Every structure is written in C-alpha cells, then in structure tokens.
ModelCIF file with pLDDT and N, C-alpha, C, O atoms, coordinates in Angstrom:
data_MODEL
#
_entry.id   MODEL 
#
_entity.id                         1 
_entity.type                       polymer 
_entity.pdbx_number_of_molecules   1 
#
_entity_poly.entity_id                      1 
_entity_poly.type                           'polypeptide(L)' 
_entity_poly.nstd_linkage                   no 
_entity_poly.nstd_monomer                   no 
_entity_poly.pdbx_seq_one_letter_code       LVAVISSAGGSTNYADSMKGRFTISRDNAKNTVYLQMNSLKPEDTAVY 
_entity_poly.pdbx_seq_one_letter_code_can   LVAVISSAGGSTNYADSMKGRFTISRDNAKNTVYLQMNSLKPEDTAVY 
_entity_poly.pdbx_strand_id                 A 
#
loop_
_entity_poly_seq.entity_id 
_entity_poly_seq.num 
_entity_poly_seq.mon_id 
_entity_poly_seq.hetero 
1 1  LEU n 
1 2  VAL n 
1 3  ALA n 
1 4  VAL n 
1 5  ILE n 
1 6  SER n 
1 7  SER n 
1 8  ALA n 
1 9  GLY n 
1 10 GLY n 
1 11 SER n 
1 12 THR n 
1 13 ASN n 
1 14 TYR n 
1 15 ALA n 
1 16 ASP n 
1 17 SER n 
1 18 MET n 
1 19 LYS n 
1 20 GLY n 
1 21 ARG n 
1 22 PHE n 
1 23 THR n 
1 24 ILE n 
1 25 SER n 
1 26 ARG n 
1 27 ASP n 
1 28 ASN n 
1 29 ALA n 
1 30 LYS n 
1 31 ASN n 
1 32 THR n 
1 33 VAL n 
1 34 TYR n 
1 35 LEU n 
1 36 GLN n 
1 37 MET n 
1 38 ASN n 
1 39 SER n 
1 40 LEU n 
1 41 LYS n 
1 42 PRO n 
1 43 GLU n 
1 44 ASP n 
1 45 THR n 
1 46 ALA n 
1 47 VAL n 
1 48 TYR n 
#
_struct_asym.id          A 
_struct_asym.entity_id   1 
#
loop_
_ma_qa_metric.id 
_ma_qa_metric.mode 
_ma_qa_metric.name 
_ma_qa_metric.software_group_id 
_ma_qa_metric.type 
1 global pLDDT . pLDDT 
2 local  pLDDT . pLDDT 
#
_ma_qa_metric_global.metric_id      1 
_ma_qa_metric_global.metric_value   95.71 
_ma_qa_metric_global.model_id       1 
_ma_qa_metric_global.ordinal_id     1 
#
loop_
_ma_qa_metric_local.label_asym_id 
_ma_qa_metric_local.label_comp_id 
_ma_qa_metric_local.label_seq_id 
_ma_qa_metric_local.metric_id 
_ma_qa_metric_local.metric_value 
_ma_qa_metric_local.model_id 
_ma_qa_metric_local.ordinal_id 
A LEU 1  2 96.00 1 1  
A VAL 2  2 97.00 1 2  
A ALA 3  2 97.00 1 3  
A VAL 4  2 97.00 1 4  
A ILE 5  2 97.00 1 5  
A SER 6  2 95.00 1 6  
A SER 7  2 93.00 1 7  
A ALA 8  2 93.00 1 8  
A GLY 9  2 93.00 1 9  
A GLY 10 2 93.00 1 10 
A SER 11 2 95.00 1 11 
A THR 12 2 96.00 1 12 
A ASN 13 2 96.00 1 13 
A TYR 14 2 96.00 1 14 
A ALA 15 2 93.00 1 15 
A ASP 16 2 92.00 1 16 
A SER 17 2 87.00 1 17 
A MET 18 2 89.00 1 18 
A LYS 19 2 85.00 1 19 
A GLY 20 2 92.00 1 20 
A ARG 21 2 96.00 1 21 
A PHE 22 2 97.00 1 22 
A THR 23 2 97.00 1 23 
A ILE 24 2 97.00 1 24 
A SER 25 2 97.00 1 25 
A ARG 26 2 98.00 1 26 
A ASP 27 2 97.00 1 27 
A ASN 28 2 97.00 1 28 
A ALA 29 2 97.00 1 29 
A LYS 30 2 97.00 1 30 
A ASN 31 2 97.00 1 31 
A THR 32 2 98.00 1 32 
A VAL 33 2 98.00 1 33 
A TYR 34 2 98.00 1 34 
A LEU 35 2 98.00 1 35 
A GLN 36 2 98.00 1 36 
A MET 37 2 98.00 1 37 
A ASN 38 2 97.00 1 38 
A SER 39 2 96.00 1 39 
A LEU 40 2 97.00 1 40 
A LYS 41 2 96.00 1 41 
A PRO 42 2 97.00 1 42 
A GLU 43 2 95.00 1 43 
A ASP 44 2 97.00 1 44 
A THR 45 2 98.00 1 45 
A ALA 46 2 98.00 1 46 
A VAL 47 2 98.00 1 47 
A TYR 48 2 98.00 1 48 
#
loop_
_atom_site.group_PDB 
_atom_site.id 
_atom_site.type_symbol 
_atom_site.label_atom_id 
_atom_site.label_alt_id 
_atom_site.label_comp_id 
_atom_site.label_asym_id 
_atom_site.label_entity_id 
_atom_site.label_seq_id 
_atom_site.pdbx_PDB_ins_code 
_atom_site.Cartn_x 
_atom_site.Cartn_y 
_atom_site.Cartn_z 
_atom_site.occupancy 
_atom_site.B_iso_or_equiv 
_atom_site.pdbx_formal_charge 
_atom_site.auth_seq_id 
_atom_site.auth_comp_id 
_atom_site.auth_asym_id 
_atom_site.auth_atom_id 
_atom_site.pdbx_PDB_model_num 
ATOM 1   N N  . LEU A 1 1  ? 64.589 -256.473 77.217 1.00 96.00 ? 1  LEU A N  1 
ATOM 2   C CA . LEU A 1 1  ? 65.437 -257.716 77.453 1.00 96.00 ? 1  LEU A CA 1 
ATOM 3   C C  . LEU A 1 1  ? 66.544 -257.536 78.383 1.00 96.00 ? 1  LEU A C  1 
ATOM 4   O O  . LEU A 1 1  ? 67.327 -256.608 78.183 1.00 96.00 ? 1  LEU A O  1 
ATOM 5   N N  . VAL A 1 2  ? 66.695 -258.286 79.338 1.00 97.00 ? 2  VAL A N  1 
ATOM 6   C CA . VAL A 1 2  ? 67.888 -258.303 80.274 1.00 97.00 ? 2  VAL A CA 1 
ATOM 7   C C  . VAL A 1 2  ? 68.999 -259.428 79.733 1.00 97.00 ? 2  VAL A C  1 
ATOM 8   O O  . VAL A 1 2  ? 70.149 -259.163 79.385 1.00 97.00 ? 2  VAL A O  1 
ATOM 9   N N  . ALA A 1 3  ? 68.451 -260.585 79.745 1.00 97.00 ? 3  ALA A N  1 
ATOM 10  C CA . ALA A 1 3  ? 69.593 -261.595 79.536 1.00 97.00 ? 3  ALA A CA 1 
ATOM 11  C C  . ALA A 1 3  ? 68.722 -262.766 78.822 1.00 97.00 ? 3  ALA A C  1 
ATOM 12  O O  . ALA A 1 3  ? 67.503 -262.828 78.975 1.00 97.00 ? 3  ALA A O  1 
ATOM 13  N N  . VAL A 1 4  ? 69.425 -263.655 78.057 1.00 97.00 ? 4  VAL A N  1 
ATOM 14  C CA . VAL A 1 4  ? 68.849 -264.848 77.467 1.00 97.00 ? 4  VAL A CA 1 
ATOM 15  C C  . VAL A 1 4  ? 69.911 -266.102 77.769 1.00 97.00 ? 4  VAL A C  1 
ATOM 16  O O  . VAL A 1 4  ? 71.120 -265.880 77.710 1.00 97.00 ? 4  VAL A O  1 
ATOM 17  N N  . ILE A 1 5  ? 69.424 -267.364 78.080 1.00 97.00 ? 5  ILE A N  1 
ATOM 18  C CA . ILE A 1 5  ? 70.424 -268.387 77.989 1.00 97.00 ? 5  ILE A CA 1 
ATOM 19  C C  . ILE A 1 5  ? 70.034 -269.596 77.083 1.00 97.00 ? 5  ILE A C  1 
ATOM 20  O O  . ILE A 1 5  ? 68.847 -269.849 76.874 1.00 97.00 ? 5  ILE A O  1 
ATOM 21  N N  . SER A 1 6  ? 70.872 -270.213 76.637 1.00 95.00 ? 6  SER A N  1 
ATOM 22  C CA . SER A 1 6  ? 70.439 -271.322 75.706 1.00 95.00 ? 6  SER A CA 1 
ATOM 23  C C  . SER A 1 6  ? 69.890 -272.620 76.684 1.00 95.00 ? 6  SER A C  1 
ATOM 24  O O  . SER A 1 6  ? 69.999 -272.595 77.910 1.00 95.00 ? 6  SER A O  1 
ATOM 25  N N  . SER A 1 7  ? 69.337 -273.650 75.995 1.00 93.00 ? 7  SER A N  1 
ATOM 26  C CA . SER A 1 7  ? 68.929 -274.775 76.771 1.00 93.00 ? 7  SER A CA 1 
ATOM 27  C C  . SER A 1 7  ? 69.739 -275.435 77.630 1.00 93.00 ? 7  SER A C  1 
ATOM 28  O O  . SER A 1 7  ? 69.332 -275.802 78.732 1.00 93.00 ? 7  SER A O  1 
ATOM 29  N N  . ALA A 1 8  ? 70.887 -275.634 77.233 1.00 93.00 ? 8  ALA A N  1 
ATOM 30  C CA . ALA A 1 8  ? 71.932 -276.370 77.957 1.00 93.00 ? 8  ALA A CA 1 
ATOM 31  C C  . ALA A 1 8  ? 72.694 -275.292 78.972 1.00 93.00 ? 8  ALA A C  1 
ATOM 32  O O  . ALA A 1 8  ? 73.410 -275.706 79.884 1.00 93.00 ? 8  ALA A O  1 
ATOM 33  N N  . GLY A 1 9  ? 72.507 -274.072 78.770 1.00 93.00 ? 9  GLY A N  1 
ATOM 34  C CA . GLY A 1 9  ? 73.422 -273.093 79.482 1.00 93.00 ? 9  GLY A CA 1 
ATOM 35  C C  . GLY A 1 9  ? 74.716 -272.657 78.866 1.00 93.00 ? 9  GLY A C  1 
ATOM 36  O O  . GLY A 1 9  ? 75.426 -271.814 79.414 1.00 93.00 ? 9  GLY A O  1 
ATOM 37  N N  . GLY A 1 10 ? 75.021 -273.222 77.739 1.00 93.00 ? 10 GLY A N  1 
ATOM 38  C CA . GLY A 1 10 ? 76.327 -273.013 77.013 1.00 93.00 ? 10 GLY A CA 1 
ATOM 39  C C  . GLY A 1 10 ? 76.464 -271.617 76.422 1.00 93.00 ? 10 GLY A C  1 
ATOM 40  O O  . GLY A 1 10 ? 77.562 -271.183 76.074 1.00 93.00 ? 10 GLY A O  1 
ATOM 41  N N  . SER A 1 11 ? 75.321 -270.909 76.311 1.00 95.00 ? 11 SER A N  1 
ATOM 42  C CA . SER A 1 11 ? 75.474 -269.731 75.448 1.00 95.00 ? 11 SER A CA 1 
ATOM 43  C C  . SER A 1 11 ? 74.590 -268.768 76.257 1.00 95.00 ? 11 SER A C  1 
ATOM 44  O O  . SER A 1 11 ? 73.492 -269.097 76.704 1.00 95.00 ? 11 SER A O  1 
ATOM 45  N N  . THR A 1 12 ? 75.212 -267.408 76.433 1.00 96.00 ? 12 THR A N  1 
ATOM 46  C CA . THR A 1 12 ? 74.545 -266.472 77.053 1.00 96.00 ? 12 THR A CA 1 
ATOM 47  C C  . THR A 1 12 ? 74.632 -265.038 76.386 1.00 96.00 ? 12 THR A C  1 
ATOM 48  O O  . THR A 1 12 ? 75.632 -264.749 75.730 1.00 96.00 ? 12 THR A O  1 
ATOM 49  N N  . ASN A 1 13 ? 73.588 -264.133 76.550 1.00 96.00 ? 13 ASN A N  1 
ATOM 50  C CA . ASN A 1 13 ? 73.728 -262.728 75.979 1.00 96.00 ? 13 ASN A CA 1 
ATOM 51  C C  . ASN A 1 13 ? 73.008 -261.928 76.766 1.00 96.00 ? 13 ASN A C  1 
ATOM 52  O O  . ASN A 1 13 ? 72.032 -262.360 77.380 1.00 96.00 ? 13 ASN A O  1 
ATOM 53  N N  . TYR A 1 14 ? 73.412 -260.652 76.837 1.00 96.00 ? 14 TYR A N  1 
ATOM 54  C CA . TYR A 1 14 ? 72.985 -259.600 77.773 1.00 96.00 ? 14 TYR A CA 1 
ATOM 55  C C  . TYR A 1 14 ? 72.867 -258.348 77.020 1.00 96.00 ? 14 TYR A C  1 
ATOM 56  O O  . TYR A 1 14 ? 73.651 -258.073 76.112 1.00 96.00 ? 14 TYR A O  1 
ATOM 57  N N  . ALA A 1 15 ? 71.791 -257.494 77.419 1.00 93.00 ? 15 ALA A N  1 
ATOM 58  C CA . ALA A 1 15 ? 71.820 -256.072 77.151 1.00 93.00 ? 15 ALA A CA 1 
ATOM 59  C C  . ALA A 1 15 ? 73.026 -255.308 77.580 1.00 93.00 ? 15 ALA A C  1 
ATOM 60  O O  . ALA A 1 15 ? 73.702 -255.556 78.579 1.00 93.00 ? 15 ALA A O  1 
ATOM 61  N N  . ASP A 1 16 ? 73.234 -254.302 76.670 1.00 92.00 ? 16 ASP A N  1 
ATOM 62  C CA . ASP A 1 16 ? 74.606 -253.703 77.032 1.00 92.00 ? 16 ASP A CA 1 
ATOM 63  C C  . ASP A 1 16 ? 74.681 -253.021 78.399 1.00 92.00 ? 16 ASP A C  1 
ATOM 64  O O  . ASP A 1 16 ? 75.768 -252.945 78.972 1.00 92.00 ? 16 ASP A O  1 
ATOM 65  N N  . SER A 1 17 ? 73.637 -252.556 78.908 1.00 87.00 ? 17 SER A N  1 
ATOM 66  C CA . SER A 1 17 ? 73.778 -251.875 80.175 1.00 87.00 ? 17 SER A CA 1 
ATOM 67  C C  . SER A 1 17 ? 73.688 -252.856 81.258 1.00 87.00 ? 17 SER A C  1 
ATOM 68  O O  . SER A 1 17 ? 73.747 -252.359 82.383 1.00 87.00 ? 17 SER A O  1 
ATOM 69  N N  . MET A 1 18 ? 73.542 -254.298 81.187 1.00 89.00 ? 18 MET A N  1 
ATOM 70  C CA . MET A 1 18 ? 73.624 -255.281 82.088 1.00 89.00 ? 18 MET A CA 1 
ATOM 71  C C  . MET A 1 18 ? 74.760 -256.007 81.999 1.00 89.00 ? 18 MET A C  1 
ATOM 72  O O  . MET A 1 18 ? 74.996 -256.787 82.922 1.00 89.00 ? 18 MET A O  1 
ATOM 73  N N  . LYS A 1 19 ? 75.722 -255.905 80.851 1.00 85.00 ? 19 LYS A N  1 
ATOM 74  C CA . LYS A 1 19 ? 76.893 -256.618 80.629 1.00 85.00 ? 19 LYS A CA 1 
ATOM 75  C C  . LYS A 1 19 ? 77.906 -256.308 81.693 1.00 85.00 ? 19 LYS A C  1 
ATOM 76  O O  . LYS A 1 19 ? 78.093 -255.146 82.055 1.00 85.00 ? 19 LYS A O  1 
ATOM 77  N N  . GLY A 1 20 ? 78.588 -257.361 82.218 1.00 92.00 ? 20 GLY A N  1 
ATOM 78  C CA . GLY A 1 20 ? 79.502 -257.185 83.050 1.00 92.00 ? 20 GLY A CA 1 
ATOM 79  C C  . GLY A 1 20 ? 79.097 -257.226 84.545 1.00 92.00 ? 20 GLY A C  1 
ATOM 80  O O  . GLY A 1 20 ? 79.932 -257.459 85.418 1.00 92.00 ? 20 GLY A O  1 
ATOM 81  N N  . ARG A 1 21 ? 77.693 -256.976 84.834 1.00 96.00 ? 21 ARG A N  1 
ATOM 82  C CA . ARG A 1 21 ? 77.062 -256.621 86.190 1.00 96.00 ? 21 ARG A CA 1 
ATOM 83  C C  . ARG A 1 21 ? 76.107 -257.964 86.406 1.00 96.00 ? 21 ARG A C  1 
ATOM 84  O O  . ARG A 1 21 ? 75.957 -258.438 87.532 1.00 96.00 ? 21 ARG A O  1 
ATOM 85  N N  . PHE A 1 22 ? 75.572 -258.446 85.413 1.00 97.00 ? 22 PHE A N  1 
ATOM 86  C CA . PHE A 1 22 ? 74.341 -259.342 85.709 1.00 97.00 ? 22 PHE A CA 1 
ATOM 87  C C  . PHE A 1 22 ? 74.950 -260.700 84.891 1.00 97.00 ? 22 PHE A C  1 
ATOM 88  O O  . PHE A 1 22 ? 75.683 -260.694 83.903 1.00 97.00 ? 22 PHE A O  1 
ATOM 89  N N  . THR A 1 23 ? 74.449 -261.765 85.567 1.00 97.00 ? 23 THR A N  1 
ATOM 90  C CA . THR A 1 23 ? 74.888 -263.320 85.129 1.00 97.00 ? 23 THR A CA 1 
ATOM 91  C C  . THR A 1 23 ? 73.510 -264.020 85.213 1.00 97.00 ? 23 THR A C  1 
ATOM 92  O O  . THR A 1 23 ? 72.789 -264.013 86.211 1.00 97.00 ? 23 THR A O  1 
ATOM 93  N N  . ILE A 1 24 ? 73.205 -264.706 83.880 1.00 97.00 ? 24 ILE A N  1 
ATOM 94  C CA . ILE A 1 24 ? 72.050 -265.556 83.952 1.00 97.00 ? 24 ILE A CA 1 
ATOM 95  C C  . ILE A 1 24 ? 72.866 -266.949 83.869 1.00 97.00 ? 24 ILE A C  1 
ATOM 96  O O  . ILE A 1 24 ? 73.906 -267.103 83.229 1.00 97.00 ? 24 ILE A O  1 
ATOM 97  N N  . SER A 1 25 ? 72.184 -267.963 84.657 1.00 97.00 ? 25 SER A N  1 
ATOM 98  C CA . SER A 1 25 ? 72.627 -269.201 84.848 1.00 97.00 ? 25 SER A CA 1 
ATOM 99  C C  . SER A 1 25 ? 71.303 -270.028 84.892 1.00 97.00 ? 25 SER A C  1 
ATOM 100 O O  . SER A 1 25 ? 70.178 -269.533 84.964 1.00 97.00 ? 25 SER A O  1 
ATOM 101 N N  . ARG A 1 26 ? 71.609 -271.399 84.835 1.00 98.00 ? 26 ARG A N  1 
ATOM 102 C CA . ARG A 1 26 ? 70.448 -272.287 85.049 1.00 98.00 ? 26 ARG A CA 1 
ATOM 103 C C  . ARG A 1 26 ? 70.862 -273.614 85.552 1.00 98.00 ? 26 ARG A C  1 
ATOM 104 O O  . ARG A 1 26 ? 71.975 -274.095 85.342 1.00 98.00 ? 26 ARG A O  1 
ATOM 105 N N  . ASP A 1 27 ? 69.919 -274.186 86.226 1.00 97.00 ? 27 ASP A N  1 
ATOM 106 C CA . ASP A 1 27 ? 70.142 -275.672 86.916 1.00 97.00 ? 27 ASP A CA 1 
ATOM 107 C C  . ASP A 1 27 ? 68.975 -276.361 86.374 1.00 97.00 ? 27 ASP A C  1 
ATOM 108 O O  . ASP A 1 27 ? 67.844 -276.187 86.829 1.00 97.00 ? 27 ASP A O  1 
ATOM 109 N N  . ASN A 1 28 ? 69.282 -277.248 85.269 1.00 97.00 ? 28 ASN A N  1 
ATOM 110 C CA . ASN A 1 28 ? 68.174 -278.095 84.641 1.00 97.00 ? 28 ASN A CA 1 
ATOM 111 C C  . ASN A 1 28 ? 67.790 -279.149 85.439 1.00 97.00 ? 28 ASN A C  1 
ATOM 112 O O  . ASN A 1 28 ? 66.672 -279.619 85.231 1.00 97.00 ? 28 ASN A O  1 
ATOM 113 N N  . ALA A 1 29 ? 68.516 -279.648 86.359 1.00 97.00 ? 29 ALA A N  1 
ATOM 114 C CA . ALA A 1 29 ? 67.903 -280.611 87.277 1.00 97.00 ? 29 ALA A CA 1 
ATOM 115 C C  . ALA A 1 29 ? 66.885 -279.943 88.143 1.00 97.00 ? 29 ALA A C  1 
ATOM 116 O O  . ALA A 1 29 ? 65.817 -280.527 88.325 1.00 97.00 ? 29 ALA A O  1 
ATOM 117 N N  . LYS A 1 30 ? 67.076 -278.917 88.631 1.00 97.00 ? 30 LYS A N  1 
ATOM 118 C CA . LYS A 1 30 ? 66.058 -278.183 89.559 1.00 97.00 ? 30 LYS A CA 1 
ATOM 119 C C  . LYS A 1 30 ? 65.053 -277.435 88.738 1.00 97.00 ? 30 LYS A C  1 
ATOM 120 O O  . LYS A 1 30 ? 64.221 -276.782 89.367 1.00 97.00 ? 30 LYS A O  1 
ATOM 121 N N  . ASN A 1 31 ? 65.001 -277.428 87.447 1.00 97.00 ? 31 ASN A N  1 
ATOM 122 C CA . ASN A 1 31 ? 64.244 -276.688 86.437 1.00 97.00 ? 31 ASN A CA 1 
ATOM 123 C C  . ASN A 1 31 ? 63.977 -275.201 87.047 1.00 97.00 ? 31 ASN A C  1 
ATOM 124 O O  . ASN A 1 31 ? 62.873 -274.743 87.344 1.00 97.00 ? 31 ASN A O  1 
ATOM 125 N N  . THR A 1 32 ? 65.292 -274.526 87.171 1.00 98.00 ? 32 THR A N  1 
ATOM 126 C CA . THR A 1 32 ? 65.398 -273.105 87.484 1.00 98.00 ? 32 THR A CA 1 
ATOM 127 C C  . THR A 1 32 ? 66.466 -272.437 86.828 1.00 98.00 ? 32 THR A C  1 
ATOM 128 O O  . THR A 1 32 ? 67.553 -272.934 86.534 1.00 98.00 ? 32 THR A O  1 
ATOM 129 N N  . VAL A 1 33 ? 66.035 -271.131 86.591 1.00 98.00 ? 33 VAL A N  1 
ATOM 130 C CA . VAL A 1 33 ? 66.810 -270.162 85.853 1.00 98.00 ? 33 VAL A CA 1 
ATOM 131 C C  . VAL A 1 33 ? 67.160 -269.150 86.843 1.00 98.00 ? 33 VAL A C  1 
ATOM 132 O O  . VAL A 1 33 ? 66.323 -268.883 87.705 1.00 98.00 ? 33 VAL A O  1 
ATOM 133 N N  . TYR A 1 34 ? 68.348 -268.517 86.835 1.00 98.00 ? 34 TYR A N  1 
ATOM 134 C CA . TYR A 1 34 ? 68.766 -267.494 87.803 1.00 98.00 ? 34 TYR A CA 1 
ATOM 135 C C  . TYR A 1 34 ? 69.327 -266.190 87.315 1.00 98.00 ? 34 TYR A C  1 
ATOM 136 O O  . TYR A 1 34 ? 69.819 -266.153 86.187 1.00 98.00 ? 34 TYR A O  1 
ATOM 137 N N  . LEU A 1 35 ? 69.299 -265.229 87.989 1.00 98.00 ? 35 LEU A N  1 
ATOM 138 C CA . LEU A 1 35 ? 69.802 -263.941 87.510 1.00 98.00 ? 35 LEU A CA 1 
ATOM 139 C C  . LEU A 1 35 ? 70.613 -263.392 88.686 1.00 98.00 ? 35 LEU A C  1 
ATOM 140 O O  . LEU A 1 35 ? 70.023 -263.021 89.702 1.00 98.00 ? 35 LEU A O  1 
ATOM 141 N N  . GLN A 1 36 ? 71.863 -263.330 88.590 1.00 98.00 ? 36 GLN A N  1 
ATOM 142 C CA . GLN A 1 36 ? 72.647 -262.530 89.609 1.00 98.00 ? 36 GLN A CA 1 
ATOM 143 C C  . GLN A 1 36 ? 72.995 -261.439 89.205 1.00 98.00 ? 36 GLN A C  1 
ATOM 144 O O  . GLN A 1 36 ? 73.604 -261.292 88.145 1.00 98.00 ? 36 GLN A O  1 
ATOM 145 N N  . MET A 1 37 ? 72.585 -260.263 90.170 1.00 98.00 ? 37 MET A N  1 
ATOM 146 C CA . MET A 1 37 ? 72.683 -258.889 89.872 1.00 98.00 ? 37 MET A CA 1 
ATOM 147 C C  . MET A 1 37 ? 73.777 -258.442 90.866 1.00 98.00 ? 37 MET A C  1 
ATOM 148 O O  . MET A 1 37 ? 73.729 -258.762 92.054 1.00 98.00 ? 37 MET A O  1 
ATOM 149 N N  . ASN A 1 38 ? 74.727 -257.720 90.358 1.00 97.00 ? 38 ASN A N  1 
ATOM 150 C CA . ASN A 1 38 ? 75.821 -257.105 91.083 1.00 97.00 ? 38 ASN A CA 1 
ATOM 151 C C  . ASN A 1 38 ? 75.887 -255.776 90.749 1.00 97.00 ? 38 ASN A C  1 
ATOM 152 O O  . ASN A 1 38 ? 75.524 -255.404 89.633 1.00 97.00 ? 38 ASN A O  1 
ATOM 153 N N  . SER A 1 39 ? 76.366 -254.903 91.697 1.00 96.00 ? 39 SER A N  1 
ATOM 154 C CA . SER A 1 39 ? 76.685 -253.547 91.293 1.00 96.00 ? 39 SER A CA 1 
ATOM 155 C C  . SER A 1 39 ? 75.381 -252.741 90.880 1.00 96.00 ? 39 SER A C  1 
ATOM 156 O O  . SER A 1 39 ? 75.338 -252.067 89.851 1.00 96.00 ? 39 SER A O  1 
ATOM 157 N N  . LEU A 1 40 ? 74.319 -252.867 91.770 1.00 97.00 ? 40 LEU A N  1 
ATOM 158 C CA . LEU A 1 40 ? 73.029 -252.417 91.332 1.00 97.00 ? 40 LEU A CA 1 
ATOM 159 C C  . LEU A 1 40 ? 72.960 -250.981 91.456 1.00 97.00 ? 40 LEU A C  1 
ATOM 160 O O  . LEU A 1 40 ? 73.455 -250.439 92.444 1.00 97.00 ? 40 LEU A O  1 
ATOM 161 N N  . LYS A 1 41 ? 72.290 -250.192 90.382 1.00 96.00 ? 41 LYS A N  1 
ATOM 162 C CA . LYS A 1 41 ? 71.971 -248.868 90.205 1.00 96.00 ? 41 LYS A CA 1 
ATOM 163 C C  . LYS A 1 41 ? 70.555 -248.570 90.471 1.00 96.00 ? 41 LYS A C  1 
ATOM 164 O O  . LYS A 1 41 ? 69.699 -249.452 90.404 1.00 96.00 ? 41 LYS A O  1 
ATOM 165 N N  . PRO A 1 42 ? 70.267 -247.258 90.792 1.00 97.00 ? 42 PRO A N  1 
ATOM 166 C CA . PRO A 1 42 ? 68.657 -246.923 90.935 1.00 97.00 ? 42 PRO A CA 1 
ATOM 167 C C  . PRO A 1 42 ? 67.958 -247.169 89.566 1.00 97.00 ? 42 PRO A C  1 
ATOM 168 O O  . PRO A 1 42 ? 66.764 -247.463 89.512 1.00 97.00 ? 42 PRO A O  1 
ATOM 169 N N  . GLU A 1 43 ? 68.666 -247.052 88.567 1.00 95.00 ? 43 GLU A N  1 
ATOM 170 C CA . GLU A 1 43 ? 68.056 -247.040 87.178 1.00 95.00 ? 43 GLU A CA 1 
ATOM 171 C C  . GLU A 1 43 ? 67.678 -248.779 86.753 1.00 95.00 ? 43 GLU A C  1 
ATOM 172 O O  . GLU A 1 43 ? 67.056 -249.160 85.762 1.00 95.00 ? 43 GLU A O  1 
ATOM 173 N N  . ASP A 1 44 ? 68.275 -249.620 87.846 1.00 97.00 ? 44 ASP A N  1 
ATOM 174 C CA . ASP A 1 44 ? 67.801 -251.089 87.688 1.00 97.00 ? 44 ASP A CA 1 
ATOM 175 C C  . ASP A 1 44 ? 66.596 -251.367 88.236 1.00 97.00 ? 44 ASP A C  1 
ATOM 176 O O  . ASP A 1 44 ? 66.129 -252.486 88.023 1.00 97.00 ? 44 ASP A O  1 
ATOM 177 N N  . THR A 1 45 ? 65.928 -250.516 88.962 1.00 98.00 ? 45 THR A N  1 
ATOM 178 C CA . THR A 1 45 ? 64.638 -250.582 89.482 1.00 98.00 ? 45 THR A CA 1 
ATOM 179 C C  . THR A 1 45 ? 63.537 -250.842 88.613 1.00 98.00 ? 45 THR A C  1 
ATOM 180 O O  . THR A 1 45 ? 63.211 -250.059 87.721 1.00 98.00 ? 45 THR A O  1 
ATOM 181 N N  . ALA A 1 46 ? 62.902 -252.013 88.867 1.00 98.00 ? 46 ALA A N  1 
ATOM 182 C CA . ALA A 1 46 ? 61.983 -252.600 87.860 1.00 98.00 ? 46 ALA A CA 1 
ATOM 183 C C  . ALA A 1 46 ? 61.260 -253.756 88.385 1.00 98.00 ? 46 ALA A C  1 
ATOM 184 O O  . ALA A 1 46 ? 61.637 -254.214 89.463 1.00 98.00 ? 46 ALA A O  1 
ATOM 185 N N  . VAL A 1 47 ? 60.297 -254.278 87.790 1.00 98.00 ? 47 VAL A N  1 
ATOM 186 C CA . VAL A 1 47 ? 59.766 -255.503 87.891 1.00 98.00 ? 47 VAL A CA 1 
ATOM 187 C C  . VAL A 1 47 ? 60.461 -256.579 86.844 1.00 98.00 ? 47 VAL A C  1 
ATOM 188 O O  . VAL A 1 47 ? 60.434 -256.459 85.619 1.00 98.00 ? 47 VAL A O  1 
ATOM 189 N N  . TYR A 1 48 ? 60.939 -257.399 87.402 1.00 98.00 ? 48 TYR A N  1 
ATOM 190 C CA . TYR A 1 48 ? 61.834 -258.532 86.603 1.00 98.00 ? 48 TYR A CA 1 
ATOM 191 C C  . TYR A 1 48 ? 61.029 -259.690 86.250 1.00 98.00 ? 48 TYR A C  1 
ATOM 192 O O  . TYR A 1 48 ? 61.537 -260.635 85.647 1.00 98.00 ? 48 TYR A O  1 
#
C-alpha cells in the first residue's frame, strides 16, 4: 500500500516510507486520482 484517499478527498493516509514525499489527490469532476511523487529514491522503483 502506498496511499489512500476518501471519496471526497478530505482524508488521506500514507505508508511511512512515503509520508512527506508523496501526495495523493483526486478530481471527482474528471474521475481521476493522482499520486504526486517527490524526492524519488531507487527503492521507489516498482509498478504502481
């Protein structure tokens, strides 16, 4: 698990290793959820 977001976007949670670097968000008008990833490390290499 990387991150989770509530239906309206008002609540989010992250795995400890991602906290402070990753941000989950959503745009319900576009039916799209996003994951902004900053300060990436080699250990972040994966299929998402």
